Amino acid sequence: VEKKAGYSFAGEDIYLNVAGGMSIDEPAVDLGVVMAVVSSLKNMPLPQDMAFFGEVGLSGEIRSVAQPLIRIKEAQSLGFGTILLPAGNLAALDKKELPAIACVGVKTVRQALDHVF
């Protein structure tokens, strides 16, 4: 995020706590974590009706993940109105299958951050 999106975390203490000591082995949480960390750094809340999923690569790209349609449908069922997801996942989906939720495909962390902030 520092190198590819221009945010400086020098002098900041960053902790990620997963409730109940669970371990996370799901790469799709990467984008949500990045968005939460930048939200905290900027002291700006994320939109309450927005969900995120996608794997973040070291060069700042947002990689596609497995089962995007299931993730989108679950976000909608939880009341989210917009979801940011990998552009590759969005392009591969049959638009007729998409539920009535705004889907925004992003290719890079910078695109995701610019969309929200």
PDB file of N, CA and C in Angstrom:
ATOM      1  N   VAL A   1       0.833  -1.181   0.000  1.00  0.00           N
ATOM      2  CA  VAL A   1       0.000   0.000   0.000  1.00  0.00           C
ATOM      3  C   VAL A   1       0.879   1.246   0.000  1.00  0.00           C
ATOM      4  N   GLU A   2       1.988   1.194   0.727  1.00  0.00           N
ATOM      5  CA  GLU A   2       2.899   2.340   0.711  1.00  0.00           C
ATOM      6  C   GLU A   2       3.495   2.552  -0.674  1.00  0.00           C
ATOM      7  N   LYS A   3       4.023   1.497  -1.245  1.00  0.00           N
ATOM      8  CA  LYS A   3       4.733   1.598  -2.517  1.00  0.00           C
ATOM      9  C   LYS A   3       3.797   1.852  -3.694  1.00  0.00           C
ATOM     10  N   LYS A   4       2.678   1.179  -3.751  1.00  0.00           N
ATOM     11  CA  LYS A   4       1.803   1.237  -4.917  1.00  0.00           C
ATOM     12  C   LYS A   4       0.677   2.266  -4.808  1.00  0.00           C
ATOM     13  N   ALA A   5       0.332   2.684  -3.591  1.00  0.00           N
ATOM     14  CA  ALA A   5      -0.789   3.617  -3.444  1.00  0.00           C
ATOM     15  C   ALA A   5      -0.379   4.931  -2.786  1.00  0.00           C
ATOM     16  N   GLY A   6       0.854   5.016  -2.304  1.00  0.00           N
ATOM     17  CA  GLY A   6       1.354   6.278  -1.786  1.00  0.00           C
ATOM     18  C   GLY A   6       0.972   6.634  -0.362  1.00  0.00           C
ATOM     19  N   TYR A   7       0.491   5.680   0.410  1.00  0.00           N
ATOM     20  CA  TYR A   7       0.170   5.956   1.809  1.00  0.00           C
ATOM     21  C   TYR A   7       1.364   5.610   2.668  1.00  0.00           C
ATOM     22  N   SER A   8       1.680   6.463   3.645  1.00  0.00           N
ATOM     23  CA  SER A   8       2.826   6.228   4.512  1.00  0.00           C
ATOM     24  C   SER A   8       2.357   5.713   5.869  1.00  0.00           C
ATOM     25  N   PHE A   9       2.934   4.611   6.282  1.00  0.00           N
ATOM     26  CA  PHE A   9       2.621   4.030   7.580  1.00  0.00           C
ATOM     27  C   PHE A   9       3.797   4.154   8.551  1.00  0.00           C
ATOM     28  N   ALA A  10       4.793   4.951   8.167  1.00  0.00           N
ATOM     29  CA  ALA A  10       5.944   5.167   9.043  1.00  0.00           C
ATOM     30  C   ALA A  10       5.461   5.773  10.357  1.00  0.00           C
ATOM     31  N   GLY A  11       5.901   5.213  11.445  1.00  0.00           N
ATOM     32  CA  GLY A  11       5.509   5.714  12.755  1.00  0.00           C
ATOM     33  C   GLY A  11       4.143   5.255  13.213  1.00  0.00           C
ATOM     34  N   GLU A  12       3.484   4.418  12.425  1.00  0.00           N
ATOM     35  CA  GLU A  12       2.165   3.909  12.794  1.00  0.00           C
ATOM     36  C   GLU A  12       2.295   2.480  13.311  1.00  0.00           C
ATOM     37  N   ASP A  13       1.519   2.166  14.309  1.00  0.00           N
ATOM     38  CA  ASP A  13       1.425   0.788  14.789  1.00  0.00           C
ATOM     39  C   ASP A  13       0.152   0.193  14.207  1.00  0.00           C
ATOM     40  N   ILE A  14       0.302  -0.916  13.506  1.00  0.00           N
ATOM     41  CA  ILE A  14      -0.849  -1.548  12.868  1.00  0.00           C
ATOM     42  C   ILE A  14      -0.996  -2.953  13.417  1.00  0.00           C
ATOM     43  N   TYR A  15      -2.181  -3.248  13.915  1.00  0.00           N
ATOM     44  CA  TYR A  15      -2.485  -4.567  14.442  1.00  0.00           C
ATOM     45  C   TYR A  15      -3.745  -5.073  13.763  1.00  0.00           C
ATOM     46  N   LEU A  16      -3.737  -6.327  13.432  1.00  0.00           N
ATOM     47  CA  LEU A  16      -4.925  -6.959  12.879  1.00  0.00           C
ATOM     48  C   LEU A  16      -5.330  -8.059  13.842  1.00  0.00           C
ATOM     49  N   ASN A  17      -6.516  -7.951  14.380  1.00  0.00           N
ATOM     50  CA  ASN A  17      -7.000  -8.918  15.351  1.00  0.00           C
ATOM     51  C   ASN A  17      -8.138  -9.716  14.728  1.00  0.00           C
ATOM     52  N   VAL A  18      -7.998 -11.002  14.740  1.00  0.00           N
ATOM     53  CA  VAL A  18      -9.051 -11.879  14.259  1.00  0.00           C
ATOM     54  C   VAL A  18      -9.749 -12.446  15.489  1.00  0.00           C
ATOM     55  N   ALA A  19     -11.037 -12.213  15.580  1.00  0.00           N
ATOM     56  CA  ALA A  19     -11.807 -12.579  16.762  1.00  0.00           C
ATOM     57  C   ALA A  19     -11.662 -14.049  17.121  1.00  0.00           C
ATOM     58  N   GLY A  20     -11.553 -14.299  18.396  1.00  0.00           N
ATOM     59  CA  GLY A  20     -11.549 -15.662  18.903  1.00  0.00           C
ATOM     60  C   GLY A  20     -10.309 -16.466  18.547  1.00  0.00           C
ATOM     61  N   GLY A  21      -9.260 -15.818  18.107  1.00  0.00           N
ATOM     62  CA  GLY A  21      -8.026 -16.527  17.783  1.00  0.00           C
ATOM     63  C   GLY A  21      -8.127 -17.381  16.533  1.00  0.00           C
ATOM     64  N   MET A  22      -9.129 -17.106  15.684  1.00  0.00           N
ATOM     65  CA  MET A  22      -9.263 -17.860  14.442  1.00  0.00           C
ATOM     66  C   MET A  22      -8.076 -17.559  13.535  1.00  0.00           C
ATOM     67  N   SER A  23      -7.771 -18.475  12.670  1.00  0.00           N
ATOM     68  CA  SER A  23      -6.742 -18.196  11.676  1.00  0.00           C
ATOM     69  C   SER A  23      -7.419 -17.954  10.338  1.00  0.00           C
ATOM     70  N   ILE A  24      -6.810 -17.096   9.540  1.00  0.00           N
ATOM     71  CA  ILE A  24      -7.385 -16.769   8.233  1.00  0.00           C
ATOM     72  C   ILE A  24      -6.473 -17.334   7.160  1.00  0.00           C
ATOM     73  N   ASP A  25      -7.015 -18.217   6.349  1.00  0.00           N
ATOM     74  CA  ASP A  25      -6.239 -18.752   5.236  1.00  0.00           C
ATOM     75  C   ASP A  25      -6.969 -18.490   3.920  1.00  0.00           C
ATOM     76  N   GLU A  26      -7.809 -17.477   3.928  1.00  0.00           N
ATOM     77  CA  GLU A  26      -8.618 -17.101   2.776  1.00  0.00           C
ATOM     78  C   GLU A  26      -8.032 -15.849   2.138  1.00  0.00           C
ATOM     79  N   PRO A  27      -7.424 -15.960   0.951  1.00  0.00           N
ATOM     80  CA  PRO A  27      -6.790 -14.790   0.329  1.00  0.00           C
ATOM     81  C   PRO A  27      -7.777 -13.701  -0.084  1.00  0.00           C
ATOM     82  N   ALA A  28      -9.068 -14.015  -0.163  1.00  0.00           N
ATOM     83  CA  ALA A  28     -10.056 -13.026  -0.583  1.00  0.00           C
ATOM     84  C   ALA A  28     -10.249 -11.916   0.441  1.00  0.00           C
ATOM     85  N   VAL A  29      -9.754 -12.083   1.663  1.00  0.00           N
ATOM     86  CA  VAL A  29      -9.902 -11.041   2.679  1.00  0.00           C
ATOM     87  C   VAL A  29      -8.891  -9.911   2.493  1.00  0.00           C
ATOM     88  N   ASP A  30      -7.885 -10.108   1.655  1.00  0.00           N
ATOM     89  CA  ASP A  30      -6.818  -9.115   1.492  1.00  0.00           C
ATOM     90  C   ASP A  30      -7.346  -7.718   1.216  1.00  0.00           C
ATOM     91  N   LEU A  31      -8.237  -7.574   0.252  1.00  0.00           N
ATOM     92  CA  LEU A  31      -8.716  -6.250  -0.124  1.00  0.00           C
ATOM     93  C   LEU A  31      -9.460  -5.586   1.022  1.00  0.00           C
ATOM     94  N   GLY A  32     -10.262  -6.330   1.742  1.00  0.00           N
ATOM     95  CA  GLY A  32     -10.977  -5.779   2.894  1.00  0.00           C
ATOM     96  C   GLY A  32     -10.024  -5.290   3.973  1.00  0.00           C
ATOM     97  N   VAL A  33      -8.954  -6.034   4.206  1.00  0.00           N
ATOM     98  CA  VAL A  33      -7.960  -5.630   5.204  1.00  0.00           C
ATOM     99  C   VAL A  33      -7.269  -4.340   4.769  1.00  0.00           C
ATOM    100  N   VAL A  34      -6.868  -4.268   3.498  1.00  0.00           N
ATOM    101  CA  VAL A  34      -6.226  -3.053   2.990  1.00  0.00           C
ATOM    102  C   VAL A  34      -7.151  -1.852   3.165  1.00  0.00           C
ATOM    103  N   MET A  35      -8.407  -2.017   2.804  1.00  0.00           N
ATOM    104  CA  MET A  35      -9.354  -0.917   2.912  1.00  0.00           C
ATOM    105  C   MET A  35      -9.547  -0.490   4.367  1.00  0.00           C
ATOM    106  N   ALA A  36      -9.610  -1.439   5.282  1.00  0.00           N
ATOM    107  CA  ALA A  36      -9.766  -1.114   6.699  1.00  0.00           C
ATOM    108  C   ALA A  36      -8.548  -0.382   7.253  1.00  0.00           C
ATOM    109  N   VAL A  37      -7.361  -0.822   6.867  1.00  0.00           N
ATOM    110  CA  VAL A  37      -6.132  -0.190   7.357  1.00  0.00           C
ATOM    111  C   VAL A  37      -6.037   1.253   6.849  1.00  0.00           C
ATOM    112  N   VAL A  38      -6.308   1.469   5.577  1.00  0.00           N
ATOM    113  CA  VAL A  38      -6.254   2.827   5.026  1.00  0.00           C
ATOM    114  C   VAL A  38      -7.363   3.694   5.632  1.00  0.00           C
ATOM    115  N   SER A  39      -8.528   3.124   5.847  1.00  0.00           N
ATOM    116  CA  SER A  39      -9.616   3.844   6.502  1.00  0.00           C
ATOM    117  C   SER A  39      -9.171   4.349   7.870  1.00  0.00           C
ATOM    118  N   SER A  40      -8.494   3.509   8.603  1.00  0.00           N
ATOM    119  CA  SER A  40      -7.997   3.892   9.920  1.00  0.00           C
ATOM    120  C   SER A  40      -6.916   4.970   9.813  1.00  0.00           C
ATOM    121  N   LEU A  41      -6.001   4.805   8.881  1.00  0.00           N
ATOM    122  CA  LEU A  41      -4.930   5.787   8.687  1.00  0.00           C
ATOM    123  C   LEU A  41      -5.506   7.162   8.346  1.00  0.00           C
ATOM    124  N   LYS A  42      -6.506   7.200   7.478  1.00  0.00           N
ATOM    125  CA  LYS A  42      -7.116   8.454   7.047  1.00  0.00           C
ATOM    126  C   LYS A  42      -8.158   8.973   8.045  1.00  0.00           C
ATOM    127  N   ASN A  43      -8.476   8.148   9.036  1.00  0.00           N
ATOM    128  CA  ASN A  43      -9.515   8.479  10.014  1.00  0.00           C
ATOM    129  C   ASN A  43     -10.836   8.793   9.311  1.00  0.00           C
ATOM    130  N   MET A  44     -11.129   7.971   8.308  1.00  0.00           N
ATOM    131  CA  MET A  44     -12.367   8.093   7.534  1.00  0.00           C
ATOM    132  C   MET A  44     -13.039   6.728   7.484  1.00  0.00           C
ATOM    133  N   PRO A  45     -14.289   6.639   7.902  1.00  0.00           N
ATOM    134  CA  PRO A  45     -14.955   5.327   7.873  1.00  0.00           C
ATOM    135  C   PRO A  45     -15.239   4.867   6.444  1.00  0.00           C
ATOM    136  N   LEU A  46     -15.244   3.578   6.273  1.00  0.00           N
ATOM    137  CA  LEU A  46     -15.666   2.995   5.000  1.00  0.00           C
ATOM    138  C   LEU A  46     -17.180   3.110   4.895  1.00  0.00           C
ATOM    139  N   PRO A  47     -17.711   3.183   3.687  1.00  0.00           N
ATOM    140  CA  PRO A  47     -19.171   3.205   3.544  1.00  0.00           C
ATOM    141  C   PRO A  47     -19.783   1.950   4.173  1.00  0.00           C
ATOM    142  N   GLN A  48     -20.817   2.135   4.953  1.00  0.00           N
ATOM    143  CA  GLN A  48     -21.431   1.023   5.673  1.00  0.00           C
ATOM    144  C   GLN A  48     -22.100   0.016   4.757  1.00  0.00           C
ATOM    145  N   ASP A  49     -22.462   0.428   3.558  1.00  0.00           N
ATOM    146  CA  ASP A  49     -23.168  -0.482   2.656  1.00  0.00           C
ATOM    147  C   ASP A  49     -22.239  -1.089   1.607  1.00  0.00           C
ATOM    148  N   MET A  50     -20.921  -1.032   1.844  1.00  0.00           N
ATOM    149  CA  MET A  50     -19.967  -1.521   0.854  1.00  0.00           C
ATOM    150  C   MET A  50     -19.178  -2.709   1.397  1.00  0.00           C
ATOM    151  N   ALA A  51     -19.061  -3.749   0.565  1.00  0.00           N
ATOM    152  CA  ALA A  51     -18.286  -4.938   0.905  1.00  0.00           C
ATOM    153  C   ALA A  51     -17.121  -5.055  -0.075  1.00  0.00           C
ATOM    154  N   PHE A  52     -16.110  -5.822   0.304  1.00  0.00           N
ATOM    155  CA  PHE A  52     -14.898  -5.963  -0.499  1.00  0.00           C
ATOM    156  C   PHE A  52     -14.436  -7.411  -0.505  1.00  0.00           C
ATOM    157  N   PHE A  53     -13.930  -7.880  -1.624  1.00  0.00           N
ATOM    158  CA  PHE A  53     -13.186  -9.132  -1.633  1.00  0.00           C
ATOM    159  C   PHE A  53     -12.205  -9.126  -2.785  1.00  0.00           C
ATOM    160  N   GLY A  54     -11.084  -9.801  -2.579  1.00  0.00           N
ATOM    161  CA  GLY A  54     -10.058  -9.919  -3.601  1.00  0.00           C
ATOM    162  C   GLY A  54      -8.701 -10.151  -2.969  1.00  0.00           C
ATOM    163  N   GLU A  55      -7.873 -10.876  -3.666  1.00  0.00           N
ATOM    164  CA  GLU A  55      -6.510 -11.115  -3.210  1.00  0.00           C
ATOM    165  C   GLU A  55      -5.636  -9.978  -3.726  1.00  0.00           C
ATOM    166  N   VAL A  56      -4.769  -9.455  -2.859  1.00  0.00           N
ATOM    167  CA  VAL A  56      -3.880  -8.361  -3.230  1.00  0.00           C
ATOM    168  C   VAL A  56      -2.484  -8.918  -3.453  1.00  0.00           C
ATOM    169  N   GLY A  57      -1.943  -8.697  -4.648  1.00  0.00           N
ATOM    170  CA  GLY A  57      -0.590  -9.132  -4.970  1.00  0.00           C
ATOM    171  C   GLY A  57       0.437  -8.104  -4.537  1.00  0.00           C
ATOM    172  N   LEU A  58       1.696  -8.508  -4.522  1.00  0.00           N
ATOM    173  CA  LEU A  58       2.771  -7.618  -4.083  1.00  0.00           C
ATOM    174  C   LEU A  58       2.959  -6.408  -4.985  1.00  0.00           C
ATOM    175  N   SER A  59       2.523  -6.497  -6.227  1.00  0.00           N
ATOM    176  CA  SER A  59       2.653  -5.350  -7.125  1.00  0.00           C
ATOM    177  C   SER A  59       1.396  -4.479  -7.121  1.00  0.00           C
ATOM    178  N   GLY A  60       0.476  -4.743  -6.193  1.00  0.00           N
ATOM    179  CA  GLY A  60      -0.721  -3.922  -6.045  1.00  0.00           C
ATOM    180  C   GLY A  60      -1.900  -4.365  -6.880  1.00  0.00           C
ATOM    181  N   GLU A  61      -1.753  -5.457  -7.614  1.00  0.00           N
ATOM    182  CA  GLU A  61      -2.870  -5.943  -8.422  1.00  0.00           C
ATOM    183  C   GLU A  61      -3.885  -6.665  -7.543  1.00  0.00           C
ATOM    184  N   ILE A  62      -5.137  -6.610  -7.978  1.00  0.00           N
ATOM    185  CA  ILE A  62      -6.207  -7.334  -7.290  1.00  0.00           C
ATOM    186  C   ILE A  62      -6.475  -8.595  -8.100  1.00  0.00           C
ATOM    187  N   ARG A  63      -6.189  -9.728  -7.500  1.00  0.00           N
ATOM    188  CA  ARG A  63      -6.328 -11.014  -8.185  1.00  0.00           C
ATOM    189  C   ARG A  63      -7.712 -11.620  -7.967  1.00  0.00           C
ATOM    190  N   SER A  64      -8.171 -12.313  -8.976  1.00  0.00           N
ATOM    191  CA  SER A  64      -9.449 -13.018  -8.892  1.00  0.00           C
ATOM    192  C   SER A  64      -9.390 -14.110  -7.835  1.00  0.00           C
ATOM    193  N   VAL A  65     -10.551 -14.408  -7.279  1.00  0.00           N
ATOM    194  CA  VAL A  65     -10.664 -15.458  -6.261  1.00  0.00           C
ATOM    195  C   VAL A  65     -11.762 -16.427  -6.660  1.00  0.00           C
ATOM    196  N   ALA A  66     -11.834 -17.530  -5.955  1.00  0.00           N
ATOM    197  CA  ALA A  66     -12.825 -18.568  -6.247  1.00  0.00           C
ATOM    198  C   ALA A  66     -14.219 -18.138  -5.789  1.00  0.00           C
ATOM    199  N   GLN A  67     -15.217 -18.643  -6.459  1.00  0.00           N
ATOM    200  CA  GLN A  67     -16.635 -18.523  -6.110  1.00  0.00           C
ATOM    201  C   GLN A  67     -17.127 -17.077  -5.938  1.00  0.00           C
ATOM    202  N   PRO A  68     -16.864 -16.217  -6.908  1.00  0.00           N
ATOM    203  CA  PRO A  68     -17.289 -14.817  -6.752  1.00  0.00           C
ATOM    204  C   PRO A  68     -18.809 -14.642  -6.673  1.00  0.00           C
ATOM    205  N   LEU A  69     -19.572 -15.426  -7.418  1.00  0.00           N
ATOM    206  CA  LEU A  69     -21.021 -15.254  -7.406  1.00  0.00           C
ATOM    207  C   LEU A  69     -21.611 -15.570  -6.032  1.00  0.00           C
ATOM    208  N   ILE A  70     -21.094 -16.592  -5.392  1.00  0.00           N
ATOM    209  CA  ILE A  70     -21.559 -16.928  -4.035  1.00  0.00           C
ATOM    210  C   ILE A  70     -21.243 -15.791  -3.080  1.00  0.00           C
ATOM    211  N   ARG A  71     -20.066 -15.194  -3.220  1.00  0.00           N
ATOM    212  CA  ARG A  71     -19.665 -14.076  -2.358  1.00  0.00           C
ATOM    213  C   ARG A  71     -20.569 -12.858  -2.595  1.00  0.00           C
ATOM    214  N   ILE A  72     -20.868 -12.578  -3.843  1.00  0.00           N
ATOM    215  CA  ILE A  72     -21.727 -11.441  -4.184  1.00  0.00           C
ATOM    216  C   ILE A  72     -23.128 -11.645  -3.609  1.00  0.00           C
ATOM    217  N   LYS A  73     -23.674 -12.829  -3.795  1.00  0.00           N
ATOM    218  CA  LYS A  73     -25.020 -13.114  -3.283  1.00  0.00           C
ATOM    219  C   LYS A  73     -25.063 -13.018  -1.760  1.00  0.00           C
ATOM    220  N   GLU A  74     -24.009 -13.473  -1.104  1.00  0.00           N
ATOM    221  CA  GLU A  74     -23.966 -13.389   0.357  1.00  0.00           C
ATOM    222  C   GLU A  74     -23.885 -11.939   0.814  1.00  0.00           C
ATOM    223  N   ALA A  75     -23.091 -11.118   0.124  1.00  0.00           N
ATOM    224  CA  ALA A  75     -23.008  -9.695   0.465  1.00  0.00           C
ATOM    225  C   ALA A  75     -24.379  -9.040   0.338  1.00  0.00           C
ATOM    226  N   GLN A  76     -25.091  -9.382  -0.711  1.00  0.00           N
ATOM    227  CA  GLN A  76     -26.431  -8.819  -0.897  1.00  0.00           C
ATOM    228  C   GLN A  76     -27.361  -9.279   0.224  1.00  0.00           C
ATOM    229  N   SER A  77     -27.292 -10.548   0.579  1.00  0.00           N
ATOM    230  CA  SER A  77     -28.188 -11.064   1.622  1.00  0.00           C
ATOM    231  C   SER A  77     -27.891 -10.428   2.979  1.00  0.00           C
ATOM    232  N   LEU A  78     -26.671  -9.944   3.157  1.00  0.00           N
ATOM    233  CA  LEU A  78     -26.303  -9.272   4.401  1.00  0.00           C
ATOM    234  C   LEU A  78     -26.646  -7.785   4.382  1.00  0.00           C
ATOM    235  N   GLY A  79     -27.203  -7.308   3.265  1.00  0.00           N
ATOM    236  CA  GLY A  79     -27.673  -5.934   3.197  1.00  0.00           C
ATOM    237  C   GLY A  79     -26.726  -4.940   2.551  1.00  0.00           C
ATOM    238  N   PHE A  80     -25.622  -5.416   1.985  1.00  0.00           N
ATOM    239  CA  PHE A  80     -24.703  -4.504   1.315  1.00  0.00           C
ATOM    240  C   PHE A  80     -25.297  -4.060  -0.015  1.00  0.00           C
ATOM    241  N   GLY A  81     -25.034  -2.805  -0.399  1.00  0.00           N
ATOM    242  CA  GLY A  81     -25.558  -2.269  -1.639  1.00  0.00           C
ATOM    243  C   GLY A  81     -24.535  -2.222  -2.757  1.00  0.00           C
ATOM    244  N   THR A  82     -23.251  -2.237  -2.380  1.00  0.00           N
ATOM    245  CA  THR A  82     -22.154  -2.166  -3.347  1.00  0.00           C
ATOM    246  C   THR A  82     -21.067  -3.127  -2.926  1.00  0.00           C
ATOM    247  N   ILE A  83     -20.414  -3.728  -3.912  1.00  0.00           N
ATOM    248  CA  ILE A  83     -19.298  -4.613  -3.615  1.00  0.00           C
ATOM    249  C   ILE A  83     -18.155  -4.309  -4.574  1.00  0.00           C
ATOM    250  N   LEU A  84     -16.960  -4.127  -4.016  1.00  0.00           N
ATOM    251  CA  LEU A  84     -15.753  -3.987  -4.825  1.00  0.00           C
ATOM    252  C   LEU A  84     -15.122  -5.365  -4.918  1.00  0.00           C
ATOM    253  N   LEU A  85     -14.815  -5.790  -6.130  1.00  0.00           N
ATOM    254  CA  LEU A  85     -14.277  -7.118  -6.353  1.00  0.00           C
ATOM    255  C   LEU A  85     -13.267  -7.079  -7.486  1.00  0.00           C
ATOM    256  N   PRO A  86     -12.492  -8.129  -7.649  1.00  0.00           N
ATOM    257  CA  PRO A  86     -11.515  -8.149  -8.741  1.00  0.00           C
ATOM    258  C   PRO A  86     -12.196  -7.987 -10.098  1.00  0.00           C
ATOM    259  N   ALA A  87     -11.620  -7.138 -10.938  1.00  0.00           N
ATOM    260  CA  ALA A  87     -12.178  -6.910 -12.276  1.00  0.00           C
ATOM    261  C   ALA A  87     -12.234  -8.214 -13.066  1.00  0.00           C
ATOM    262  N   GLY A  88     -11.251  -9.092 -12.874  1.00  0.00           N
ATOM    263  CA  GLY A  88     -11.241 -10.377 -13.561  1.00  0.00           C
ATOM    264  C   GLY A  88     -12.426 -11.242 -13.190  1.00  0.00           C
ATOM    265  N   ASN A  89     -12.808 -11.230 -11.924  1.00  0.00           N
ATOM    266  CA  ASN A  89     -13.995 -11.973 -11.494  1.00  0.00           C
ATOM    267  C   ASN A  89     -15.256 -11.388 -12.104  1.00  0.00           C
ATOM    268  N   LEU A  90     -15.366 -10.082 -12.100  1.00  0.00           N
ATOM    269  CA  LEU A  90     -16.565  -9.436 -12.628  1.00  0.00           C
ATOM    270  C   LEU A  90     -16.712  -9.704 -14.121  1.00  0.00           C
ATOM    271  N   ALA A  91     -15.617  -9.632 -14.860  1.00  0.00           N
ATOM    272  CA  ALA A  91     -15.658  -9.853 -16.305  1.00  0.00           C
ATOM    273  C   ALA A  91     -16.068 -11.279 -16.655  1.00  0.00           C
ATOM    274  N   ALA A  92     -15.732 -12.227 -15.791  1.00  0.00           N
ATOM    275  CA  ALA A  92     -16.006 -13.633 -16.070  1.00  0.00           C
ATOM    276  C   ALA A  92     -17.427 -14.060 -15.693  1.00  0.00           C
ATOM    277  N   LEU A  93     -18.142 -13.224 -14.964  1.00  0.00           N
ATOM    278  CA  LEU A  93     -19.485 -13.580 -14.520  1.00  0.00           C
ATOM    279  C   LEU A  93     -20.522 -13.322 -15.601  1.00  0.00           C
ATOM    280  N   ASP A  94     -21.532 -14.149 -15.621  1.00  0.00           N
ATOM    281  CA  ASP A  94     -22.678 -13.945 -16.502  1.00  0.00           C
ATOM    282  C   ASP A  94     -23.529 -12.844 -15.876  1.00  0.00           C
ATOM    283  N   LYS A  95     -23.643 -11.728 -16.545  1.00  0.00           N
ATOM    284  CA  LYS A  95     -24.357 -10.560 -15.999  1.00  0.00           C
ATOM    285  C   LYS A  95     -25.813 -10.878 -15.658  1.00  0.00           C
ATOM    286  N   LYS A  96     -26.396 -11.868 -16.323  1.00  0.00           N
ATOM    287  CA  LYS A  96     -27.781 -12.245 -16.047  1.00  0.00           C
ATOM    288  C   LYS A  96     -27.919 -12.920 -14.680  1.00  0.00           C
ATOM    289  N   GLU A  97     -26.814 -13.493 -14.175  1.00  0.00           N
ATOM    290  CA  GLU A  97     -26.852 -14.192 -12.888  1.00  0.00           C
ATOM    291  C   GLU A  97     -26.641 -13.254 -11.704  1.00  0.00           C
ATOM    292  N   LEU A  98     -26.141 -12.054 -11.969  1.00  0.00           N
ATOM    293  CA  LEU A  98     -25.810 -11.144 -10.875  1.00  0.00           C
ATOM    294  C   LEU A  98     -27.064 -10.670 -10.147  1.00  0.00           C
ATOM    295  N   PRO A  99     -27.017 -10.677  -8.824  1.00  0.00           N
ATOM    296  CA  PRO A  99     -28.143 -10.129  -8.070  1.00  0.00           C
ATOM    297  C   PRO A  99     -28.163  -8.599  -8.185  1.00  0.00           C
ATOM    298  N   ALA A 100     -29.198  -7.989  -7.638  1.00  0.00           N
ATOM    299  CA  ALA A 100     -29.364  -6.533  -7.715  1.00  0.00           C
ATOM    300  C   ALA A 100     -28.484  -5.847  -6.679  1.00  0.00           C
ATOM    301  N   ILE A 101     -27.195  -5.876  -6.901  1.00  0.00           N
ATOM    302  CA  ILE A 101     -26.216  -5.204  -6.054  1.00  0.00           C
ATOM    303  C   ILE A 101     -25.204  -4.564  -7.012  1.00  0.00           C
ATOM    304  N   ALA A 102     -24.771  -3.358  -6.690  1.00  0.00           N
ATOM    305  CA  ALA A 102     -23.801  -2.684  -7.554  1.00  0.00           C
ATOM    306  C   ALA A 102     -22.451  -3.364  -7.411  1.00  0.00           C
ATOM    307  N   CYS A 103     -21.910  -3.849  -8.515  1.00  0.00           N
ATOM    308  CA  CYS A 103     -20.612  -4.527  -8.514  1.00  0.00           C
ATOM    309  C   CYS A 103     -19.597  -3.643  -9.230  1.00  0.00           C
ATOM    310  N   VAL A 104     -18.507  -3.344  -8.553  1.00  0.00           N
ATOM    311  CA  VAL A 104     -17.456  -2.499  -9.112  1.00  0.00           C
ATOM    312  C   VAL A 104     -16.185  -3.337  -9.211  1.00  0.00           C
ATOM    313  N   GLY A 105     -15.727  -3.564 -10.424  1.00  0.00           N
ATOM    314  CA  GLY A 105     -14.506  -4.323 -10.631  1.00  0.00           C
ATOM    315  C   GLY A 105     -13.289  -3.422 -10.559  1.00  0.00           C
ATOM    316  N   VAL A 106     -12.276  -3.846  -9.805  1.00  0.00           N
ATOM    317  CA  VAL A 106     -11.039  -3.075  -9.679  1.00  0.00           C
ATOM    318  C   VAL A 106      -9.857  -3.966 -10.038  1.00  0.00           C
ATOM    319  N   LYS A 107      -8.870  -3.356 -10.689  1.00  0.00           N
ATOM    320  CA  LYS A 107      -7.674  -4.089 -11.096  1.00  0.00           C
ATOM    321  C   LYS A 107      -6.520  -3.895 -10.134  1.00  0.00           C
ATOM    322  N   THR A 108      -6.520  -2.766  -9.415  1.00  0.00           N
ATOM    323  CA  THR A 108      -5.402  -2.453  -8.526  1.00  0.00           C
ATOM    324  C   THR A 108      -5.907  -1.909  -7.191  1.00  0.00           C
ATOM    325  N   VAL A 109      -5.031  -1.952  -6.206  1.00  0.00           N
ATOM    326  CA  VAL A 109      -5.336  -1.356  -4.904  1.00  0.00           C
ATOM    327  C   VAL A 109      -5.608   0.131  -5.079  1.00  0.00           C
ATOM    328  N   ARG A 110      -4.834   0.782  -5.912  1.00  0.00           N
ATOM    329  CA  ARG A 110      -5.017   2.221  -6.147  1.00  0.00           C
ATOM    330  C   ARG A 110      -6.424   2.518  -6.659  1.00  0.00           C
ATOM    331  N   GLN A 111      -6.911   1.713  -7.609  1.00  0.00           N
ATOM    332  CA  GLN A 111      -8.277   1.901  -8.121  1.00  0.00           C
ATOM    333  C   GLN A 111      -9.304   1.741  -6.998  1.00  0.00           C
ATOM    334  N   ALA A 112      -9.133   0.738  -6.163  1.00  0.00           N
ATOM    335  CA  ALA A 112     -10.075   0.502  -5.070  1.00  0.00           C
ATOM    336  C   ALA A 112     -10.074   1.680  -4.095  1.00  0.00           C
ATOM    337  N   LEU A 113      -8.895   2.145  -3.730  1.00  0.00           N
ATOM    338  CA  LEU A 113      -8.788   3.257  -2.800  1.00  0.00           C
ATOM    339  C   LEU A 113      -9.364   4.531  -3.412  1.00  0.00           C
ATOM    340  N   ASP A 114      -9.082   4.785  -4.682  1.00  0.00           N
ATOM    341  CA  ASP A 114      -9.620   5.977  -5.345  1.00  0.00           C
ATOM    342  C   ASP A 114     -11.141   5.928  -5.415  1.00  0.00           C
ATOM    343  N   HIS A 115     -11.687   4.737  -5.587  1.00  0.00           N
ATOM    344  CA  HIS A 115     -13.145   4.608  -5.664  1.00  0.00           C
ATOM    345  C   HIS A 115     -13.797   4.959  -4.329  1.00  0.00           C
ATOM    346  N   VAL A 116     -13.167   4.580  -3.240  1.00  0.00           N
ATOM    347  CA  VAL A 116     -13.766   4.767  -1.922  1.00  0.00           C
ATOM    348  C   VAL A 116     -13.379   6.105  -1.281  1.00  0.00           C
ATOM    349  N   PHE A 117     -12.128   6.495  -1.453  1.00  0.00           N
ATOM    350  CA  PHE A 117     -11.647   7.715  -0.795  1.00  0.00           C
ATOM    351  C   PHE A 117     -11.434   8.821  -1.814  1.00  0.00           C
TER     352      PHE A 117
END
